[in-house]
Amino acid sequence: MPLSPTQEALVGALIAAALGVVSAVRVQLFSDAAGLISVLAIAVSLMLVVVFSVVIGAALPFFYGHLGLDPCDSFSSGTTKRP
């Protein structure tokens, strides 16, 4: 059963939180010049990228359907063409 957009956003937030914590710890441990602001900026930007990509990926099929296009086309890459 597919997840709803709300559930997709929750999964994206959980993944983003985990990646944000891991990246913050990694930058703090392995960077000599990284201050707290730099660590937070890196972690928050990574978290935002993950959340936005999950939400957009979940919303694209609904948007395509609203436009009258095939929602399955939202998953195809730009390098493939249908005959």
N, C-alpha and C. Protein backbone atom coordinates (compact mmCIF):
# COMPACT_ATOMS: atom_id res chain seq x y z
N MET A 1 0.84 -1.17 0.00
CA MET A 1 0.00 0.00 0.00
C MET A 1 0.89 1.24 0.00
N PRO A 2 0.65 2.19 -0.91
CA PRO A 2 1.48 3.40 -0.96
C PRO A 2 1.24 4.30 0.25
N LEU A 3 2.25 5.06 0.59
CA LEU A 3 2.14 5.98 1.71
C LEU A 3 1.46 7.27 1.27
N SER A 4 0.76 7.91 2.19
CA SER A 4 0.15 9.21 1.90
C SER A 4 1.24 10.28 1.92
N PRO A 5 0.97 11.45 1.35
CA PRO A 5 1.98 12.52 1.38
C PRO A 5 2.40 12.90 2.79
N THR A 6 1.48 12.83 3.75
CA THR A 6 1.84 13.13 5.14
C THR A 6 2.81 12.10 5.68
N GLN A 7 2.55 10.83 5.38
CA GLN A 7 3.45 9.78 5.82
C GLN A 7 4.80 9.89 5.13
N GLU A 8 4.79 10.26 3.84
CA GLU A 8 6.04 10.46 3.11
C GLU A 8 6.85 11.59 3.74
N ALA A 9 6.18 12.67 4.13
CA ALA A 9 6.87 13.79 4.76
C ALA A 9 7.45 13.38 6.11
N LEU A 10 6.73 12.54 6.85
CA LEU A 10 7.23 12.06 8.14
C LEU A 10 8.47 11.19 7.95
N VAL A 11 8.42 10.29 6.98
CA VAL A 11 9.57 9.45 6.68
C VAL A 11 10.76 10.31 6.24
N GLY A 12 10.50 11.31 5.41
CA GLY A 12 11.55 12.23 4.99
C GLY A 12 12.15 12.99 6.16
N ALA A 13 11.30 13.41 7.09
CA ALA A 13 11.79 14.13 8.27
C ALA A 13 12.65 13.23 9.15
N LEU A 14 12.26 11.98 9.29
CA LEU A 14 13.05 11.04 10.10
C LEU A 14 14.41 10.76 9.45
N ILE A 15 14.41 10.55 8.14
CA ILE A 15 15.66 10.34 7.42
C ILE A 15 16.54 11.58 7.52
N ALA A 16 15.91 12.75 7.35
CA ALA A 16 16.66 14.01 7.42
C ALA A 16 17.26 14.23 8.81
N ALA A 17 16.50 13.92 9.85
CA ALA A 17 17.02 14.09 11.20
C ALA A 17 18.22 13.17 11.44
N ALA A 18 18.11 11.93 11.01
CA ALA A 18 19.22 11.00 11.18
C ALA A 18 20.46 11.47 10.42
N LEU A 19 20.27 11.88 9.16
CA LEU A 19 21.41 12.37 8.38
C LEU A 19 21.97 13.67 8.94
N GLY A 20 21.11 14.53 9.45
CA GLY A 20 21.57 15.78 10.04
C GLY A 20 22.43 15.55 11.27
N VAL A 21 22.01 14.64 12.13
CA VAL A 21 22.78 14.34 13.34
C VAL A 21 24.12 13.71 12.97
N VAL A 22 24.08 12.74 12.06
CA VAL A 22 25.32 12.07 11.65
C VAL A 22 26.28 13.06 11.00
N SER A 23 25.77 13.92 10.13
CA SER A 23 26.67 14.88 9.46
C SER A 23 27.21 15.90 10.45
N ALA A 24 26.40 16.34 11.41
CA ALA A 24 26.88 17.30 12.40
C ALA A 24 28.00 16.70 13.24
N VAL A 25 27.81 15.46 13.67
CA VAL A 25 28.85 14.79 14.46
C VAL A 25 30.11 14.60 13.62
N ARG A 26 29.94 14.18 12.38
CA ARG A 26 31.10 13.95 11.51
C ARG A 26 31.89 15.23 11.26
N VAL A 27 31.18 16.32 10.96
CA VAL A 27 31.87 17.59 10.70
C VAL A 27 32.57 18.07 11.97
N GLN A 28 31.92 17.94 13.11
CA GLN A 28 32.51 18.39 14.36
C GLN A 28 33.77 17.58 14.71
N LEU A 29 33.74 16.28 14.43
CA LEU A 29 34.87 15.43 14.77
C LEU A 29 36.05 15.58 13.82
N PHE A 30 35.77 15.71 12.54
CA PHE A 30 36.84 15.63 11.54
C PHE A 30 37.25 16.96 10.92
N SER A 31 36.67 18.05 11.34
CA SER A 31 37.04 19.35 10.79
C SER A 31 37.73 20.17 11.87
N ASP A 32 38.87 20.72 11.51
CA ASP A 32 39.63 21.51 12.47
C ASP A 32 39.04 22.91 12.66
N ALA A 33 38.54 23.50 11.59
CA ALA A 33 38.12 24.89 11.64
C ALA A 33 36.61 25.08 11.75
N ALA A 34 35.84 24.01 11.86
CA ALA A 34 34.38 24.13 11.86
C ALA A 34 33.89 24.57 13.24
N GLY A 35 33.22 25.71 13.27
CA GLY A 35 32.59 26.18 14.50
C GLY A 35 31.16 25.66 14.57
N LEU A 36 30.49 26.00 15.63
CA LEU A 36 29.12 25.52 15.84
C LEU A 36 28.19 26.01 14.74
N ILE A 37 28.37 27.24 14.30
CA ILE A 37 27.51 27.78 13.23
C ILE A 37 27.71 27.00 11.94
N SER A 38 28.92 26.66 11.60
CA SER A 38 29.20 25.89 10.39
C SER A 38 28.59 24.50 10.48
N VAL A 39 28.73 23.88 11.63
CA VAL A 39 28.17 22.54 11.82
C VAL A 39 26.66 22.57 11.68
N LEU A 40 26.02 23.54 12.29
CA LEU A 40 24.56 23.65 12.19
C LEU A 40 24.12 23.98 10.78
N ALA A 41 24.85 24.83 10.09
CA ALA A 41 24.49 25.19 8.71
C ALA A 41 24.55 23.97 7.80
N ILE A 42 25.58 23.17 7.94
CA ILE A 42 25.71 21.96 7.12
C ILE A 42 24.60 20.97 7.44
N ALA A 43 24.34 20.74 8.72
CA ALA A 43 23.32 19.77 9.11
C ALA A 43 21.93 20.21 8.68
N VAL A 44 21.61 21.47 8.89
CA VAL A 44 20.27 21.97 8.52
C VAL A 44 20.08 21.97 7.01
N SER A 45 21.11 22.35 6.25
CA SER A 45 20.96 22.35 4.80
C SER A 45 20.77 20.93 4.27
N LEU A 46 21.48 19.97 4.83
CA LEU A 46 21.29 18.57 4.42
C LEU A 46 19.88 18.10 4.76
N MET A 47 19.41 18.47 5.94
CA MET A 47 18.05 18.08 6.33
C MET A 47 17.00 18.68 5.41
N LEU A 48 17.17 19.95 5.04
CA LEU A 48 16.20 20.58 4.15
C LEU A 48 16.20 19.95 2.76
N VAL A 49 17.36 19.62 2.26
CA VAL A 49 17.44 18.97 0.94
C VAL A 49 16.69 17.64 0.96
N VAL A 50 16.86 16.86 2.01
CA VAL A 50 16.20 15.56 2.09
C VAL A 50 14.69 15.74 2.21
N VAL A 51 14.23 16.61 3.08
CA VAL A 51 12.79 16.80 3.27
C VAL A 51 12.13 17.31 1.99
N PHE A 52 12.73 18.31 1.35
CA PHE A 52 12.14 18.84 0.11
C PHE A 52 12.13 17.80 -1.01
N SER A 53 13.17 17.01 -1.12
CA SER A 53 13.19 16.00 -2.18
C SER A 53 12.14 14.92 -1.95
N VAL A 54 11.93 14.53 -0.71
CA VAL A 54 10.90 13.52 -0.42
C VAL A 54 9.51 14.09 -0.68
N VAL A 55 9.26 15.30 -0.23
CA VAL A 55 7.93 15.90 -0.43
C VAL A 55 7.64 16.14 -1.91
N ILE A 56 8.61 16.65 -2.65
CA ILE A 56 8.41 16.88 -4.08
C ILE A 56 8.23 15.55 -4.82
N GLY A 57 9.03 14.55 -4.45
CA GLY A 57 8.89 13.24 -5.08
C GLY A 57 7.54 12.60 -4.81
N ALA A 58 6.97 12.85 -3.64
CA ALA A 58 5.65 12.30 -3.32
C ALA A 58 4.53 13.10 -3.98
N ALA A 59 4.75 14.40 -4.19
CA ALA A 59 3.70 15.25 -4.74
C ALA A 59 3.64 15.25 -6.27
N LEU A 60 4.74 14.92 -6.93
CA LEU A 60 4.77 14.96 -8.40
C LEU A 60 3.70 14.10 -9.07
N PRO A 61 3.47 12.87 -8.63
CA PRO A 61 2.41 12.09 -9.29
C PRO A 61 1.03 12.72 -9.16
N PHE A 62 0.73 13.36 -8.03
CA PHE A 62 -0.55 14.03 -7.86
C PHE A 62 -0.65 15.24 -8.78
N PHE A 63 0.44 15.97 -8.91
CA PHE A 63 0.49 17.14 -9.79
C PHE A 63 0.30 16.73 -11.25
N TYR A 64 0.98 15.66 -11.66
CA TYR A 64 0.82 15.15 -13.03
C TYR A 64 -0.63 14.72 -13.28
N GLY A 65 -1.22 14.05 -12.32
CA GLY A 65 -2.62 13.63 -12.46
C GLY A 65 -3.55 14.82 -12.58
N HIS A 66 -3.28 15.88 -11.84
CA HIS A 66 -4.09 17.09 -11.89
C HIS A 66 -4.00 17.76 -13.26
N LEU A 67 -2.84 17.66 -13.89
CA LEU A 67 -2.65 18.24 -15.23
C LEU A 67 -3.21 17.35 -16.34
N GLY A 68 -3.67 16.16 -15.99
CA GLY A 68 -4.19 15.24 -16.98
C GLY A 68 -3.13 14.38 -17.63
N LEU A 69 -1.94 14.38 -17.07
CA LEU A 69 -0.85 13.55 -17.58
C LEU A 69 -0.81 12.24 -16.83
N ASP A 70 -0.08 11.28 -17.35
CA ASP A 70 0.07 10.00 -16.69
C ASP A 70 0.99 10.17 -15.48
N PRO A 71 0.50 9.88 -14.25
CA PRO A 71 1.33 10.03 -13.06
C PRO A 71 2.59 9.17 -13.09
N CYS A 72 2.57 8.09 -13.84
CA CYS A 72 3.77 7.24 -13.93
C CYS A 72 4.91 7.94 -14.64
N ASP A 73 4.60 8.95 -15.45
CA ASP A 73 5.66 9.68 -16.15
C ASP A 73 6.50 10.53 -15.20
N SER A 74 6.00 10.79 -14.01
CA SER A 74 6.77 11.61 -13.07
C SER A 74 7.96 10.84 -12.51
N PHE A 75 7.99 9.53 -12.69
CA PHE A 75 9.07 8.73 -12.17
C PHE A 75 10.14 8.42 -13.21
N SER A 76 9.88 8.75 -14.46
CA SER A 76 10.86 8.41 -15.50
C SER A 76 11.99 9.43 -15.50
N SER A 77 13.15 8.97 -15.84
CA SER A 77 14.28 9.90 -15.92
C SER A 77 14.24 10.62 -17.27
N GLY A 78 15.01 11.68 -17.38
CA GLY A 78 15.03 12.46 -18.61
C GLY A 78 15.77 11.77 -19.74
N THR A 79 16.45 10.68 -19.44
CA THR A 79 17.24 10.01 -20.47
C THR A 79 16.48 8.91 -21.20
N THR A 80 15.29 8.56 -20.71
CA THR A 80 14.53 7.51 -21.37
C THR A 80 13.36 8.11 -22.11
N LYS A 81 13.05 7.51 -23.24
CA LYS A 81 11.91 7.96 -24.05
C LYS A 81 11.00 6.78 -24.32
N ARG A 82 9.71 7.05 -24.31
CA ARG A 82 8.77 6.01 -24.69
C ARG A 82 8.62 5.99 -26.19
N PRO A 83 8.38 4.81 -26.76
CA PRO A 83 8.21 4.75 -28.23
C PRO A 83 6.95 5.45 -28.69
